[in-house]
Amino acid sequence: MNKNHGHSAISRLPKLLTETQVSMIFNVSINTLRYWRHCGDGPNYIKMGKLVRYHEAELESYLQRKTCVSKARAIAEENRVAH
């Protein structure tokens, strides 16, 4: 069996982050992450038994979904498109 076969499969796997890592990235407590999971409001996560992991790309997607445009900017952009 080729020794590199298993390694290449592993290298294709997404980078998974722990609750601690995500809490540091978002600057929120682990309890906040748990609350978000309970409410269904946080980033998508992976559950493996009792372990919770977050896919790096899901964090980016979550931030995009949560990004808001100021009302003044939105109105200005609407006016620009309308004229």
Protein backbone atom coordinates (compact mmCIF):
# COMPACT_ATOMS: atom_id res chain seq x y z
CA MET A 1 0.00 0.00 0.00
CA ASN A 2 1.27 3.44 -0.88
CA LYS A 3 2.23 5.40 2.26
CA ASN A 4 1.23 8.72 0.70
CA HIS A 5 -2.29 7.54 -0.12
CA GLY A 6 -3.63 8.17 3.40
CA HIS A 7 -1.78 11.47 3.74
CA SER A 8 -3.25 12.95 0.56
CA ALA A 9 -6.77 12.07 1.71
CA ILE A 10 -6.12 13.78 5.04
CA SER A 11 -4.70 16.87 3.36
CA ARG A 12 -8.01 17.29 1.45
CA LEU A 13 -10.04 17.38 4.66
CA PRO A 14 -11.26 20.81 5.81
CA LYS A 15 -9.56 22.47 8.74
CA LEU A 16 -11.75 21.97 11.79
CA LEU A 17 -11.61 24.41 14.69
CA THR A 18 -12.45 23.79 18.35
CA GLU A 19 -14.89 25.80 20.45
CA THR A 20 -11.94 27.46 22.15
CA GLN A 21 -10.41 28.52 18.84
CA VAL A 22 -13.72 29.89 17.54
CA SER A 23 -14.43 31.73 20.79
CA MET A 24 -11.04 33.44 20.45
CA ILE A 25 -11.61 34.25 16.75
CA PHE A 26 -15.05 35.78 17.43
CA ASN A 27 -14.03 37.20 20.82
CA VAL A 28 -17.01 35.58 22.56
CA SER A 29 -17.21 33.09 25.39
CA ILE A 30 -17.60 29.35 24.87
CA ASN A 31 -20.96 29.68 26.63
CA THR A 32 -22.04 32.17 23.95
CA LEU A 33 -21.14 29.65 21.24
CA ARG A 34 -23.14 27.00 23.09
CA TYR A 35 -26.10 29.36 23.40
CA TRP A 36 -25.93 30.13 19.69
CA ARG A 37 -25.97 26.39 18.89
CA HIS A 38 -28.92 25.89 21.23
CA CYS A 39 -30.87 28.72 19.54
CA GLY A 40 -29.75 27.78 16.03
CA ASP A 41 -28.26 31.24 15.55
CA GLY A 42 -24.52 30.56 15.37
CA PRO A 43 -22.27 29.25 12.64
CA ASN A 44 -22.90 25.74 11.33
CA TYR A 45 -20.96 23.15 13.28
CA ILE A 46 -20.00 19.50 13.19
CA LYS A 47 -20.93 17.19 16.06
CA MET A 48 -18.79 14.08 16.60
CA GLY A 49 -20.04 12.36 19.72
CA LYS A 50 -19.58 15.00 22.43
CA LEU A 51 -17.04 16.94 20.37
CA VAL A 52 -18.05 20.09 18.52
CA ARG A 53 -15.95 21.38 15.65
CA TYR A 54 -16.34 24.27 13.25
CA HIS A 55 -15.31 24.22 9.60
CA GLU A 56 -13.25 27.31 8.73
CA ALA A 57 -15.36 28.08 5.65
CA GLU A 58 -18.56 27.97 7.75
CA LEU A 59 -17.21 30.76 9.93
CA GLU A 60 -16.68 32.94 6.86
CA SER A 61 -20.17 32.10 5.60
CA TYR A 62 -21.67 32.93 9.01
CA LEU A 63 -19.94 36.32 9.09
CA GLN A 64 -21.24 37.12 5.61
CA ARG A 65 -24.80 36.22 6.68
CA LYS A 66 -24.48 38.43 9.76
CA THR A 67 -22.95 41.40 7.96
CA CYS A 68 -25.38 44.32 7.94
CA VAL A 69 -25.37 47.43 5.81
CA SER A 70 -26.18 50.70 7.58
CA LYS A 71 -29.63 52.05 6.76
CA ALA A 72 -28.19 55.34 5.47
CA ARG A 73 -25.84 53.50 3.11
CA ALA A 74 -28.63 51.21 1.89
CA ILE A 75 -30.87 54.21 1.13
CA ALA A 76 -28.03 56.01 -0.66
CA GLU A 77 -27.35 52.94 -2.79
CA GLU A 78 -31.07 52.56 -3.60
CA ASN A 79 -31.22 56.20 -4.70
CA ARG A 80 -28.10 55.81 -6.83
CA VAL A 81 -29.57 52.77 -8.62
CA ALA A 82 -32.97 54.44 -9.08
CA HIS A 83 -31.50 57.51 -10.81
